[in-house]
Amino acid sequence: MSRTEFLRLERDRILKQLSQGPENKAKLLTSLMDIDAEMEQIRQPQKSFAKS
């Protein structure tokens, strides 16, 4: 499983938890932001190669 696939699965899991209730909402939102930031970093090098 690639890092991107793992991050997508983890993101889906967090979104499910957020929709189920307000417990640990701040922690889950922080995790979600971290995942999104990491996914963006993974995409950045791919964009630079596409421009070349």
N, C-alpha and C. Protein backbone atom coordinates (compact mmCIF):
# COMPACT_ATOMS: atom_id res chain seq x y z
N MET A 1 0.85 -1.17 0.00
CA MET A 1 0.00 0.00 0.00
C MET A 1 0.89 1.24 0.00
N SER A 2 0.63 2.14 -0.92
CA SER A 2 1.43 3.36 -1.00
C SER A 2 1.04 4.33 0.11
N ARG A 3 1.89 5.30 0.33
CA ARG A 3 1.63 6.31 1.36
C ARG A 3 0.35 7.07 1.05
N THR A 4 0.14 7.39 -0.21
CA THR A 4 -1.06 8.13 -0.61
C THR A 4 -2.32 7.32 -0.32
N GLU A 5 -2.29 6.03 -0.63
CA GLU A 5 -3.44 5.17 -0.35
C GLU A 5 -3.72 5.11 1.16
N PHE A 6 -2.66 4.97 1.94
CA PHE A 6 -2.82 4.93 3.39
C PHE A 6 -3.43 6.23 3.90
N LEU A 7 -2.94 7.36 3.41
CA LEU A 7 -3.47 8.65 3.84
C LEU A 7 -4.94 8.81 3.47
N ARG A 8 -5.33 8.34 2.28
CA ARG A 8 -6.74 8.42 1.88
C ARG A 8 -7.63 7.57 2.79
N LEU A 9 -7.16 6.37 3.12
CA LEU A 9 -7.94 5.51 4.02
C LEU A 9 -8.07 6.14 5.41
N GLU A 10 -6.98 6.68 5.90
CA GLU A 10 -7.01 7.34 7.21
C GLU A 10 -7.92 8.56 7.19
N ARG A 11 -7.89 9.30 6.10
CA ARG A 11 -8.75 10.48 5.94
C ARG A 11 -10.22 10.06 5.97
N ASP A 12 -10.56 9.00 5.26
CA ASP A 12 -11.94 8.49 5.26
C ASP A 12 -12.37 8.04 6.65
N ARG A 13 -11.46 7.38 7.37
CA ARG A 13 -11.77 6.93 8.73
C ARG A 13 -12.06 8.11 9.65
N ILE A 14 -11.25 9.15 9.53
CA ILE A 14 -11.44 10.35 10.37
C ILE A 14 -12.76 11.04 10.02
N LEU A 15 -13.06 11.15 8.74
CA LEU A 15 -14.33 11.77 8.34
C LEU A 15 -15.53 11.00 8.89
N LYS A 16 -15.46 9.68 8.91
CA LYS A 16 -16.54 8.86 9.48
C LYS A 16 -16.68 9.16 10.98
N GLN A 17 -15.55 9.24 11.67
CA GLN A 17 -15.59 9.52 13.10
C GLN A 17 -16.19 10.90 13.36
N LEU A 18 -15.84 11.88 12.54
CA LEU A 18 -16.37 13.22 12.72
C LEU A 18 -17.88 13.25 12.52
N SER A 19 -18.38 12.46 11.59
CA SER A 19 -19.82 12.46 11.30
C SER A 19 -20.61 11.72 12.38
N GLN A 20 -19.94 10.91 13.19
CA GLN A 20 -20.63 10.12 14.21
C GLN A 20 -20.85 10.89 15.51
N GLY A 21 -20.10 11.93 15.75
CA GLY A 21 -20.30 12.66 16.99
C GLY A 21 -19.19 13.65 17.27
N PRO A 22 -19.41 14.48 18.28
CA PRO A 22 -18.45 15.56 18.57
C PRO A 22 -17.26 15.16 19.43
N GLU A 23 -17.13 13.88 19.82
CA GLU A 23 -16.01 13.49 20.67
C GLU A 23 -14.68 13.71 19.94
N ASN A 24 -13.74 14.30 20.65
CA ASN A 24 -12.38 14.52 20.13
C ASN A 24 -12.38 15.29 18.81
N LYS A 25 -13.32 16.17 18.63
CA LYS A 25 -13.45 16.88 17.35
C LYS A 25 -12.19 17.67 17.00
N ALA A 26 -11.62 18.37 17.97
CA ALA A 26 -10.42 19.17 17.70
C ALA A 26 -9.26 18.27 17.28
N LYS A 27 -9.08 17.16 17.97
CA LYS A 27 -8.00 16.23 17.63
C LYS A 27 -8.20 15.65 16.23
N LEU A 28 -9.43 15.26 15.90
CA LEU A 28 -9.71 14.69 14.59
C LEU A 28 -9.51 15.72 13.47
N LEU A 29 -9.95 16.95 13.70
CA LEU A 29 -9.76 17.99 12.70
C LEU A 29 -8.29 18.30 12.48
N THR A 30 -7.52 18.28 13.55
CA THR A 30 -6.07 18.50 13.44
C THR A 30 -5.43 17.38 12.63
N SER A 31 -5.84 16.15 12.90
CA SER A 31 -5.32 15.01 12.13
C SER A 31 -5.69 15.13 10.66
N LEU A 32 -6.91 15.55 10.40
CA LEU A 32 -7.37 15.73 9.03
C LEU A 32 -6.54 16.79 8.31
N MET A 33 -6.24 17.89 8.98
CA MET A 33 -5.41 18.94 8.38
C MET A 33 -3.99 18.44 8.12
N ASP A 34 -3.46 17.65 9.03
CA ASP A 34 -2.12 17.08 8.84
C ASP A 34 -2.08 16.15 7.63
N ILE A 35 -3.10 15.33 7.49
CA ILE A 35 -3.18 14.41 6.35
C ILE A 35 -3.27 15.19 5.05
N ASP A 36 -4.14 16.20 5.02
CA ASP A 36 -4.29 17.01 3.81
C ASP A 36 -2.98 17.71 3.45
N ALA A 37 -2.25 18.20 4.45
CA ALA A 37 -0.97 18.87 4.19
C ALA A 37 0.05 17.89 3.64
N GLU A 38 0.08 16.68 4.19
CA GLU A 38 1.03 15.69 3.70
C GLU A 38 0.69 15.26 2.28
N MET A 39 -0.61 15.10 2.00
CA MET A 39 -1.03 14.73 0.65
C MET A 39 -0.65 15.83 -0.35
N GLU A 40 -0.76 17.07 0.06
CA GLU A 40 -0.37 18.19 -0.81
C GLU A 40 1.12 18.18 -1.07
N GLN A 41 1.93 17.87 -0.05
CA GLN A 41 3.38 17.77 -0.24
C GLN A 41 3.73 16.65 -1.20
N ILE A 42 3.01 15.55 -1.13
CA ILE A 42 3.26 14.44 -2.04
C ILE A 42 2.94 14.85 -3.47
N ARG A 43 1.87 15.63 -3.66
CA ARG A 43 1.47 16.07 -5.00
C ARG A 43 2.39 17.12 -5.59
N GLN A 44 3.04 17.93 -4.78
CA GLN A 44 3.87 19.04 -5.26
C GLN A 44 4.98 18.59 -6.21
N PRO A 45 5.79 17.61 -5.87
CA PRO A 45 6.85 17.18 -6.81
C PRO A 45 6.28 16.69 -8.14
N GLN A 46 5.12 16.04 -8.11
CA GLN A 46 4.49 15.55 -9.34
C GLN A 46 4.10 16.72 -10.24
N LYS A 47 3.63 17.81 -9.65
CA LYS A 47 3.24 18.99 -10.44
C LYS A 47 4.47 19.60 -11.12
N SER A 48 5.59 19.66 -10.41
CA SER A 48 6.77 20.28 -11.00
C SER A 48 7.30 19.46 -12.17
N PHE A 49 7.19 18.14 -12.11
CA PHE A 49 7.62 17.29 -13.23
C PHE A 49 6.69 17.47 -14.41
N ALA A 50 5.43 17.69 -14.17
CA ALA A 50 4.45 17.84 -15.25
C ALA A 50 4.71 19.14 -16.02
N LYS A 51 5.22 20.17 -15.34
CA LYS A 51 5.47 21.45 -16.00
C LYS A 51 6.70 21.40 -16.90
N SER A 52 7.62 20.51 -16.63
CA SER A 52 8.89 20.42 -17.39
C SER A 52 8.66 19.98 -18.81
